[in-house]
Amino acid sequence: MKKTTRTALVAALLITAAAAAAALRGTATDAPADDDRKYLTDSRPLPQMPPMHNAPNTPLGEGKGIFPGRVAWAHAPGASNWDGETGFWFEDRWNDQGKSDRLIDTAITALTGTDTPAEAWKALFTHFNATRGRGERGYRRGEKIAIKLNMNNTSTHADSEELNTSPQTCLALLRSLVNQGGVAQQDIVVCEPSRLITDYLYDKCSAEFPDITYADFEGGEGRTRVEYYDNAIPYSVDNGKLATGLATCIVDADYLINSSLLKIHVGPGVTLTAKNWYGATSIHKDWRRNSHAGFNQNRQGVKAYRTFVDFIGHKDLGQKCMLYLIDAAYGSRDVNGKPYPKWEMAPFNGAWACSVLVSQDPLAVDAVGLDLLSSEWPEVESLPYCDEYLVEAASIPHAPSGTVYDPERDGKPLEAPLGVMEHWNNRRDKLYSRNMGLDKGIELIYKRVE
């Protein structure tokens, strides 16, 4: 038997075994069918992957969420169709709003094991409140929800080609939250404390939801200017000149939604939900004026304190986050500039990512995002050992660096893992431990949206 045929057979048997094992342990009833996984198989030769701290299918930590460690990936081919040259990538002529709406609704129902977006939002609010001692209840009118965007590539309100939060993804999220989740517009803050909310996104969303507050670094032109609480995040170690203030709209919220992007970064390797919290601190809109202490991993694998762990573990950041979302309408190999290039791996097959990933587990969702980026562009020099912050966060209270993580520096260090992380087996199969029938690690649910 040829090697490629034998490998494909093994992968098929693994998926079949995973489904059987899940049914035996009673979780398959609430798990979405995995029929769409056939689209994930990538027949190309496996690439040489960059070195990481954690080996494939070696789960670390404890899964979070209704279904611990679950990440739901919704993919709608054709949702984003920019030709790479004409106009801007975010214009409605290049993006299908209907598909963007279905991406959000499909992702949250797959994540929660529910049948409708209304049920999904109720499940998310109820689980969040129940696990934080607030009782088995959903959202109540008057409670505040802040949505942290990623508009990192902005310096004014004017539109530009830079890749930031997709206006279509943002509008889809608001439609689902308000129209399906029953959340009052007046209780929502869409914010980017360290940057600017551009005109196209603001105009598109505020036209439909005028009573939502839109807050950014400068304010004006319909936006509210963000204010800060001083010394709200002193960090676990002396972080030099790293900003310690936190946006009041973030701290004062009862619930947070972290809406990040799927991009490689020249510093820490990837920029996903963990790094997105940096934009909630009191940094300047000009990145050159800011400290980035503790961000970049050592490219030779030397272990050290990682600032992102403090973000995830902070009571007013990661520990107040109800939903983690990676906006992958386009995705990019470069942190700056327009989206580029298109994705070659399956299920993208030479197109834009056209996806949304969601999870209640901050480590699991970033682990999947990291695997997507490093498998598509393994040659990028900043990727080696970029999983360090995930390993640190999943290993608390025994972080490999020896760091005692105490984000508020109040003498009450974090005592348990902040989630679960692992790497998938390979780019071809994209299998995590729970996909292979184990009761630990990550479960990746892939749903194709037509």
Protein backbone atom coordinates (compact mmCIF):
# COMPACT_ATOMS: atom_id res chain seq x y z
CA MET A 1 0.00 0.00 0.00
CA LYS A 2 1.32 3.45 -0.88
CA LYS A 3 2.23 5.73 2.00
CA THR A 4 -0.31 8.43 1.02
CA THR A 5 -3.15 5.87 0.80
CA ARG A 6 -2.19 4.29 4.13
CA THR A 7 -2.03 7.72 5.81
CA ALA A 8 -5.46 8.69 4.51
CA LEU A 9 -6.89 5.38 5.76
CA VAL A 10 -5.45 5.96 9.24
CA ALA A 11 -6.94 9.46 9.34
CA ALA A 12 -10.35 8.12 8.34
CA LEU A 13 -10.20 5.43 11.03
CA LEU A 14 -9.24 8.05 13.63
CA ILE A 15 -12.26 10.18 12.76
CA THR A 16 -14.58 7.14 12.87
CA ALA A 17 -13.13 6.09 16.23
CA ALA A 18 -13.55 9.61 17.55
CA ALA A 19 -17.26 9.65 16.71
CA ALA A 20 -17.80 6.25 18.31
CA ALA A 21 -15.93 7.19 21.47
CA ALA A 22 -17.83 10.45 21.79
CA ALA A 23 -21.14 8.62 21.50
CA LEU A 24 -20.12 6.15 24.21
CA ARG A 25 -19.23 8.89 26.67
CA GLY A 26 -22.50 10.68 26.03
CA THR A 27 -21.26 13.92 24.51
CA ALA A 28 -22.20 13.28 20.90
CA THR A 29 -25.86 14.12 21.55
CA ASP A 30 -25.05 17.78 21.98
CA ALA A 31 -22.13 17.94 19.55
CA PRO A 32 -22.79 19.07 15.97
CA ALA A 33 -22.35 16.38 13.34
CA ASP A 34 -18.84 16.23 11.93
CA ASP A 35 -19.93 15.58 8.33
CA ASP A 36 -18.27 18.80 7.19
CA ARG A 37 -14.83 17.58 8.28
CA LYS A 38 -14.34 16.08 4.84
CA TYR A 39 -13.59 19.62 3.62
CA LEU A 40 -10.64 19.95 6.00
CA THR A 41 -8.49 17.19 4.54
CA ASP A 42 -5.41 18.66 2.85
CA SER A 43 -3.74 16.25 0.43
CA ARG A 44 -0.60 18.30 -0.09
CA PRO A 45 2.73 17.14 1.41
CA LEU A 46 3.12 18.13 5.04
CA PRO A 47 5.42 21.13 5.59
CA GLN A 48 8.36 21.40 7.94
CA MET A 49 6.74 23.06 10.94
CA PRO A 50 8.43 25.72 13.10
CA PRO A 51 9.58 24.45 16.51
CA MET A 52 7.12 24.87 19.38
CA HIS A 53 7.26 24.27 23.12
CA ASN A 54 4.41 21.76 23.04
CA ALA A 55 4.28 18.67 20.82
CA PRO A 56 1.20 17.83 18.70
CA ASN A 57 -1.74 16.24 20.54
CA THR A 58 -0.19 16.83 23.97
CA PRO A 59 -2.95 18.67 25.86
CA LEU A 60 -2.00 20.99 28.69
CA GLY A 61 -4.39 22.56 31.19
CA GLU A 62 -8.12 22.29 31.76
CA GLY A 63 -10.76 23.05 29.16
CA LYS A 64 -13.23 25.86 29.76
CA GLY A 65 -16.80 26.25 28.54
CA ILE A 66 -20.10 24.42 28.28
CA PHE A 67 -18.18 21.83 26.31
CA PRO A 68 -14.67 22.14 27.78
CA GLY A 69 -12.05 23.08 25.21
CA ARG A 70 -14.49 23.38 22.31
CA VAL A 71 -13.68 25.72 19.43
CA ALA A 72 -16.33 26.23 16.76
CA TRP A 73 -15.09 27.16 13.30
CA ALA A 74 -17.68 28.39 10.79
CA HIS A 75 -16.53 28.76 7.19
CA ALA A 76 -18.53 30.34 4.37
CA PRO A 77 -16.66 30.12 1.04
CA GLY A 78 -17.29 33.25 -0.98
CA ALA A 79 -18.20 35.46 1.98
CA SER A 80 -15.12 37.61 1.23
CA ASN A 81 -14.21 38.13 -2.43
CA TRP A 82 -11.91 41.13 -2.70
CA ASP A 83 -9.70 40.95 -5.79
CA GLY A 84 -6.70 42.33 -3.87
CA GLU A 85 -6.46 45.51 -5.91
CA THR A 86 -9.72 47.33 -6.54
CA GLY A 87 -10.98 49.68 -3.84
CA PHE A 88 -10.90 48.46 -0.24
CA TRP A 89 -11.26 44.89 1.02
CA PHE A 90 -14.10 45.82 3.40
CA GLU A 91 -16.47 47.34 0.84
CA ASP A 92 -19.88 45.68 0.60
CA ARG A 93 -19.32 44.84 -3.06
CA TRP A 94 -16.60 42.39 -1.97
CA ASN A 95 -18.37 40.95 1.09
CA ASP A 96 -21.61 39.00 1.51
CA GLN A 97 -23.38 40.34 4.61
CA GLY A 98 -25.86 37.49 4.59
CA LYS A 99 -23.07 34.94 4.80
CA SER A 100 -21.37 36.97 7.53
CA ASP A 101 -24.60 36.86 9.54
CA ARG A 102 -24.85 33.10 9.09
CA LEU A 103 -21.20 32.65 10.08
CA ILE A 104 -21.81 34.20 13.51
CA ASP A 105 -25.07 32.36 14.14
CA THR A 106 -23.64 29.03 12.97
CA ALA A 107 -20.53 29.43 15.10
CA ILE A 108 -22.29 30.23 18.38
CA THR A 109 -24.87 27.47 17.98
CA ALA A 110 -22.13 24.93 17.23
CA LEU A 111 -20.16 26.16 20.23
CA THR A 112 -23.07 25.81 22.64
CA GLY A 113 -24.76 22.73 21.16
CA THR A 114 -28.01 24.63 20.66
CA ASP A 115 -30.46 24.86 17.77
CA THR A 116 -30.94 28.62 17.49
CA PRO A 117 -28.84 31.77 18.06
CA ALA A 118 -31.31 32.88 20.76
CA GLU A 119 -30.69 29.65 22.66
CA ALA A 120 -26.95 30.02 22.11
CA TRP A 121 -26.80 33.50 23.64
CA LYS A 122 -28.91 32.36 26.59
CA ALA A 123 -26.56 29.42 27.12
CA LEU A 124 -23.47 31.67 26.96
CA PHE A 125 -24.83 34.21 29.44
CA THR A 126 -26.14 31.53 31.78
CA HIS A 127 -22.90 29.55 31.80
CA PHE A 128 -20.84 32.69 32.37
CA ASN A 129 -22.97 33.78 35.32
CA ALA A 130 -23.20 30.30 36.84
CA THR A 131 -19.43 29.80 36.80
CA ARG A 132 -18.86 33.18 38.47
CA GLY A 133 -21.25 32.80 41.35
CA ARG A 134 -24.04 34.93 39.87
CA GLY A 135 -26.59 32.16 39.70
CA GLU A 136 -28.14 30.22 36.80
CA ARG A 137 -29.41 33.22 34.87
CA GLY A 138 -29.02 35.03 31.60
CA TYR A 139 -28.46 38.64 30.67
CA ARG A 140 -30.50 41.27 32.51
CA ARG A 141 -31.38 44.64 31.05
CA GLY A 142 -28.99 47.27 32.40
CA GLU A 143 -25.97 44.96 32.45
CA LYS A 144 -23.16 46.25 30.24
CA ILE A 145 -21.45 44.31 27.45
CA ALA A 146 -18.23 45.62 25.90
CA ILE A 147 -17.00 44.28 22.58
CA LYS A 148 -13.25 44.79 22.17
CA LEU A 149 -12.43 45.14 18.47
CA ASN A 150 -9.02 44.96 16.83
CA MET A 151 -8.49 48.21 14.90
CA ASN A 152 -4.75 48.14 15.50
CA ASN A 153 -3.85 49.39 12.01
CA THR A 154 -5.54 52.78 12.35
CA SER A 155 -4.36 56.29 13.19
CA THR A 156 -7.45 58.30 12.11
CA HIS A 157 -11.14 57.68 11.49
CA ALA A 158 -10.49 57.67 7.75
CA ASP A 159 -10.72 54.38 5.89
CA SER A 160 -7.57 52.71 4.57
CA GLU A 161 -6.48 49.39 3.10
CA GLU A 162 -5.07 48.13 6.43
CA LEU A 163 -6.58 44.91 7.80
CA ASN A 164 -8.71 45.58 10.89
CA THR A 165 -11.99 44.21 12.24
CA SER A 166 -14.32 43.41 9.38
CA PRO A 167 -17.35 45.76 9.31
CA GLN A 168 -19.45 42.84 8.08
CA THR A 169 -18.34 40.58 10.95
CA CYS A 170 -18.95 43.36 13.49
CA LEU A 171 -22.44 44.06 12.15
CA ALA A 172 -23.25 40.34 12.10
CA LEU A 173 -22.19 40.04 15.74
CA LEU A 174 -24.35 43.02 16.73
CA ARG A 175 -27.35 41.71 14.80
CA SER A 176 -27.08 38.38 16.55
CA LEU A 177 -26.51 39.85 20.00
CA VAL A 178 -29.36 42.38 19.77
CA ASN A 179 -31.91 40.67 17.56
CA GLN A 180 -31.36 37.09 18.71
CA GLY A 181 -29.76 37.55 22.12
CA GLY A 182 -32.24 40.21 23.24
CA VAL A 183 -29.55 42.60 24.48
CA ALA A 184 -30.57 46.27 24.56
CA GLN A 185 -28.52 48.54 22.33
CA GLN A 186 -28.00 50.92 25.25
CA ASP A 187 -26.19 48.16 27.14
CA ILE A 188 -23.54 47.58 24.44
CA VAL A 189 -20.22 49.35 23.97
CA VAL A 190 -18.25 48.63 20.80
CA CYS A 191 -14.75 49.81 21.61
CA GLU A 192 -11.15 50.10 20.51
CA PRO A 193 -9.53 52.04 23.38
CA SER A 194 -6.05 52.30 21.89
CA ARG A 195 -6.93 53.03 18.27
CA LEU A 196 -9.68 54.51 16.09
CA ILE A 197 -12.94 53.05 14.81
CA THR A 198 -12.89 53.76 11.09
CA ASP A 199 -15.72 55.42 9.18
CA TYR A 200 -16.86 52.42 7.17
CA LEU A 201 -17.33 50.24 10.25
CA TYR A 202 -18.88 53.04 12.32
CA ASP A 203 -21.24 54.19 9.57
CA LYS A 204 -22.35 50.66 8.75
CA CYS A 205 -23.02 49.59 12.34
CA SER A 206 -24.37 52.86 13.77
CA ALA A 207 -26.87 53.19 10.91
CA GLU A 208 -28.57 50.01 12.09
CA PHE A 209 -27.76 50.31 15.79
CA PRO A 210 -27.63 54.03 16.64
CA ASP A 211 -28.15 53.53 20.40
CA ILE A 212 -25.00 51.46 20.86
CA THR A 213 -21.99 53.37 22.22
CA TYR A 214 -18.96 53.38 19.92
CA ALA A 215 -15.80 54.32 21.84
CA ASP A 216 -12.22 54.84 20.70
CA PHE A 217 -8.95 56.60 21.52
CA GLU A 218 -9.90 60.08 20.31
CA GLY A 219 -13.70 60.18 20.19
CA GLY A 220 -15.55 62.67 18.01
CA GLU A 221 -17.59 62.16 14.84
CA GLY A 222 -20.13 60.11 16.77
CA ARG A 223 -17.57 58.15 18.79
CA THR A 224 -17.05 58.49 22.56
CA ARG A 225 -13.54 59.15 23.81
CA VAL A 226 -12.23 56.37 26.05
CA GLU A 227 -11.11 57.12 29.61
CA TYR A 228 -8.91 54.97 31.84
CA TYR A 229 -8.52 53.74 35.39
CA ASP A 230 -4.89 54.27 36.44
CA ASN A 231 -2.74 51.39 37.70
CA ALA A 232 -5.46 48.83 37.06
CA ILE A 233 -3.04 46.14 35.85
CA PRO A 234 0.29 46.25 37.72
CA TYR A 235 1.41 42.85 36.24
CA SER A 236 3.01 39.88 37.94
CA VAL A 237 6.55 41.20 37.45
CA ASP A 238 8.21 44.56 36.96
CA ASN A 239 7.23 45.28 33.36
CA GLY A 240 9.13 48.53 33.00
CA LYS A 241 7.16 51.18 31.12
CA LEU A 242 4.36 48.89 29.97
CA ALA A 243 1.01 50.71 30.27
CA THR A 244 -0.88 49.92 33.49
CA GLY A 245 -4.18 51.74 32.93
CA LEU A 246 -7.32 49.98 31.73
CA ALA A 247 -10.21 51.46 29.74
CA THR A 248 -13.20 52.28 31.93
CA CYS A 249 -15.61 50.82 29.36
CA ILE A 250 -13.82 47.48 29.76
CA VAL A 251 -13.53 47.54 33.55
CA ASP A 252 -17.11 48.73 34.08
CA ALA A 253 -18.63 46.10 31.79
CA ASP A 254 -20.40 43.06 33.21
CA TYR A 255 -19.48 40.94 30.19
CA LEU A 256 -16.76 41.15 27.55
CA ILE A 257 -16.52 39.82 24.01
CA ASN A 258 -12.99 39.70 22.60
CA SER A 259 -13.18 40.11 18.81
CA SER A 260 -9.65 39.62 17.48
CA LEU A 261 -8.07 38.96 14.08
CA LEU A 262 -6.22 36.05 12.48
CA LYS A 263 -2.78 37.42 11.69
CA ILE A 264 0.90 36.65 12.02
CA HIS A 265 2.96 39.21 13.94
CA VAL A 266 6.62 40.13 13.51
CA GLY A 267 7.09 40.22 17.30
CA PRO A 268 5.24 37.51 19.26
CA GLY A 269 4.60 35.37 16.18
CA VAL A 270 0.82 35.61 16.20
CA THR A 271 -1.72 38.26 17.15
CA LEU A 272 -4.94 36.63 18.36
CA THR A 273 -7.28 37.10 21.33
CA ALA A 274 -4.55 37.31 24.00
CA LYS A 275 -2.69 40.16 22.34
CA ASN A 276 -5.97 41.93 21.59
CA TRP A 277 -6.26 42.74 25.32
CA TYR A 278 -3.22 45.02 24.97
CA GLY A 279 -5.50 47.46 23.17
CA ALA A 280 -7.59 47.80 26.35
CA THR A 281 -4.63 49.30 28.23
CA SER A 282 -3.66 52.96 28.37
CA ILE A 283 -1.26 52.90 25.44
CA HIS A 284 -0.89 55.60 22.82
CA LYS A 285 -2.34 55.25 19.33
CA ASP A 286 1.20 55.62 17.97
CA TRP A 287 2.71 52.18 18.65
CA ARG A 288 6.24 53.60 18.61
CA ARG A 289 5.52 55.39 21.88
CA ASN A 290 4.52 52.21 23.71
CA SER A 291 6.41 49.53 25.59
CA HIS A 292 5.92 45.89 24.58
CA ALA A 293 7.74 44.26 27.51
CA GLY A 294 7.19 40.53 27.87
CA PHE A 295 5.50 40.12 24.47
CA ASN A 296 8.06 38.41 22.25
CA GLN A 297 9.13 34.84 22.89
CA ASN A 298 12.76 33.76 22.75
CA ARG A 299 13.29 32.22 19.29
CA GLN A 300 15.63 29.60 20.76
CA GLY A 301 12.98 28.39 23.20
CA VAL A 302 14.34 29.88 26.44
CA LYS A 303 11.35 30.14 28.80
CA ALA A 304 10.36 33.42 30.44
CA TYR A 305 7.44 35.42 31.85
CA ARG A 306 4.82 36.30 29.22
CA THR A 307 2.64 39.41 29.57
CA PHE A 308 -0.24 37.84 27.64
CA VAL A 309 -0.81 35.43 30.54
CA ASP A 310 -1.49 38.40 32.81
CA PHE A 311 -4.01 39.73 30.29
CA ILE A 312 -5.85 36.40 30.16
CA GLY A 313 -5.79 35.97 33.94
CA HIS A 314 -6.78 39.52 34.90
CA LYS A 315 -10.16 39.87 36.61
CA ASP A 316 -11.25 42.72 34.33
CA LEU A 317 -9.92 41.26 31.06
CA GLY A 318 -9.80 37.54 30.32
CA GLN A 319 -11.68 36.53 33.45
CA LYS A 320 -14.61 38.75 32.49
CA CYS A 321 -14.78 37.51 28.91
CA MET A 322 -17.91 35.61 27.92
CA LEU A 323 -16.94 34.88 24.32
CA TYR A 324 -13.67 34.80 22.39
CA LEU A 325 -13.96 35.41 18.66
CA ILE A 326 -11.36 35.36 15.89
CA ASP A 327 -12.53 37.36 12.89
CA ALA A 328 -11.03 35.49 9.94
CA ALA A 329 -13.01 37.09 7.15
CA TYR A 330 -9.64 37.51 5.43
CA GLY A 331 -6.70 36.73 7.74
CA SER A 332 -3.17 37.71 6.80
CA ARG A 333 0.47 36.67 6.83
CA ASP A 334 1.44 40.26 7.66
CA VAL A 335 0.45 42.27 10.72
CA ASN A 336 0.42 45.52 8.75
CA GLY A 337 -1.04 46.53 5.40
CA LYS A 338 -3.84 45.01 3.38
CA PRO A 339 -4.81 41.34 3.72
CA TYR A 340 -2.26 39.18 1.93
CA PRO A 341 -1.92 36.54 0.58
CA LYS A 342 -4.89 34.22 0.06
CA TRP A 343 -4.87 30.85 1.83
CA GLU A 344 -3.72 27.68 0.05
CA MET A 345 -4.53 24.99 2.64
CA ALA A 346 -7.84 23.15 2.71
CA PRO A 347 -10.62 24.11 3.20
CA PHE A 348 -9.66 27.52 1.74
CA ASN A 349 -8.02 26.22 -1.44
CA GLY A 350 -6.64 29.46 -2.82
CA ALA A 351 -9.31 31.80 -1.42
CA TRP A 352 -9.69 34.11 1.58
CA ALA A 353 -10.36 32.47 4.95
CA CYS A 354 -14.06 33.55 5.05
CA SER A 355 -14.30 32.24 8.61
CA VAL A 356 -15.16 32.93 12.22
CA LEU A 357 -13.78 30.97 15.16
CA VAL A 358 -15.42 31.18 18.60
CA SER A 359 -14.78 29.63 22.00
CA GLN A 360 -15.32 30.11 25.72
CA ASP A 361 -11.75 28.93 26.24
CA PRO A 362 -9.11 31.65 25.67
CA LEU A 363 -6.26 29.21 25.19
CA ALA A 364 -8.07 26.75 22.96
CA VAL A 365 -9.20 29.38 20.45
CA ASP A 366 -5.72 30.91 20.21
CA ALA A 367 -4.19 27.43 19.83
CA VAL A 368 -6.40 26.76 16.81
CA GLY A 369 -5.62 30.19 15.36
CA LEU A 370 -1.90 29.56 15.87
CA ASP A 371 -2.13 26.15 14.17
CA LEU A 372 -3.90 27.68 11.18
CA LEU A 373 -1.32 30.43 10.76
CA SER A 374 1.77 28.31 11.37
CA SER A 375 0.53 25.54 9.07
CA GLU A 376 -0.21 27.97 6.24
CA TRP A 377 3.01 30.00 6.54
CA PRO A 378 5.48 27.84 8.52
CA GLU A 379 8.49 29.66 7.05
CA VAL A 380 7.79 32.95 8.88
CA GLU A 381 10.77 33.80 11.11
CA SER A 382 8.76 35.04 14.10
CA LEU A 383 6.84 31.77 14.62
CA PRO A 384 9.33 29.52 16.50
CA TYR A 385 8.14 28.89 20.07
CA CYS A 386 5.27 31.39 19.73
CA ASP A 387 3.06 29.01 21.74
CA GLU A 388 4.95 29.92 24.92
CA TYR A 389 2.21 32.12 26.39
CA LEU A 390 -0.29 29.31 25.89
CA VAL A 391 1.97 26.79 27.60
CA GLU A 392 2.57 29.18 30.50
CA ALA A 393 -1.15 29.90 30.92
CA ALA A 394 -2.12 26.22 30.69
CA SER A 395 0.51 25.18 33.25
CA ILE A 396 -0.45 27.50 36.13
CA PRO A 397 0.41 27.23 39.00
CA HIS A 398 3.53 25.49 37.70
CA ALA A 399 4.46 27.69 34.74
CA PRO A 400 7.63 26.40 33.02
CA SER A 401 9.27 29.83 33.40
CA GLY A 402 8.84 29.64 37.17
CA THR A 403 6.70 32.79 37.15
CA VAL A 404 4.06 33.16 39.83
CA TYR A 405 1.27 34.88 37.91
CA ASP A 406 -0.59 37.51 39.95
CA PRO A 407 -2.00 40.00 37.38
CA GLU A 408 -3.50 42.34 39.99
CA ARG A 409 -0.45 41.93 42.24
CA ASP A 410 -2.74 41.65 45.24
CA GLY A 411 -1.00 38.68 46.84
CA LYS A 412 -3.56 36.25 45.39
CA PRO A 413 -1.77 34.48 42.54
CA LEU A 414 -3.60 32.45 39.92
CA GLU A 415 -4.05 28.91 41.16
CA ALA A 416 -5.32 26.93 38.15
CA PRO A 417 -4.80 26.69 34.38
CA LEU A 418 -6.53 29.42 32.39
CA GLY A 419 -7.76 26.95 29.79
CA VAL A 420 -6.47 24.13 27.62
CA MET A 421 -3.94 24.21 24.79
CA GLU A 422 -2.59 21.68 22.34
CA HIS A 423 -1.52 21.58 18.71
CA TRP A 424 -3.43 19.58 16.15
CA ASN A 425 -1.84 16.42 14.74
CA ASN A 426 -1.01 17.97 11.35
CA ARG A 427 -2.27 20.25 8.60
CA ARG A 428 -3.76 17.37 6.63
CA ASP A 429 -6.18 16.03 9.27
CA LYS A 430 -6.52 18.93 11.76
CA LEU A 431 -7.37 16.57 14.63
CA TYR A 432 -7.22 17.49 18.30
CA SER A 433 -7.48 15.08 21.23
CA ARG A 434 -11.24 15.36 21.70
CA ASN A 435 -11.70 14.83 17.96
CA MET A 436 -9.94 11.51 18.50
CA GLY A 437 -12.23 10.37 21.31
CA LEU A 438 -10.24 11.50 24.35
CA ASP A 439 -11.81 13.31 27.32
CA LYS A 440 -9.16 16.02 27.37
CA GLY A 441 -7.69 18.67 25.16
CA ILE A 442 -9.37 20.65 22.38
CA GLU A 443 -12.45 19.77 20.35
CA LEU A 444 -12.56 21.50 16.96
CA ILE A 445 -16.01 21.66 15.40
CA TYR A 446 -15.97 22.73 11.74
CA LYS A 447 -19.19 23.87 10.09
CA ARG A 448 -19.45 24.82 6.43
CA VAL A 449 -21.89 27.64 5.65
CA GLU A 450 -23.41 27.90 2.19
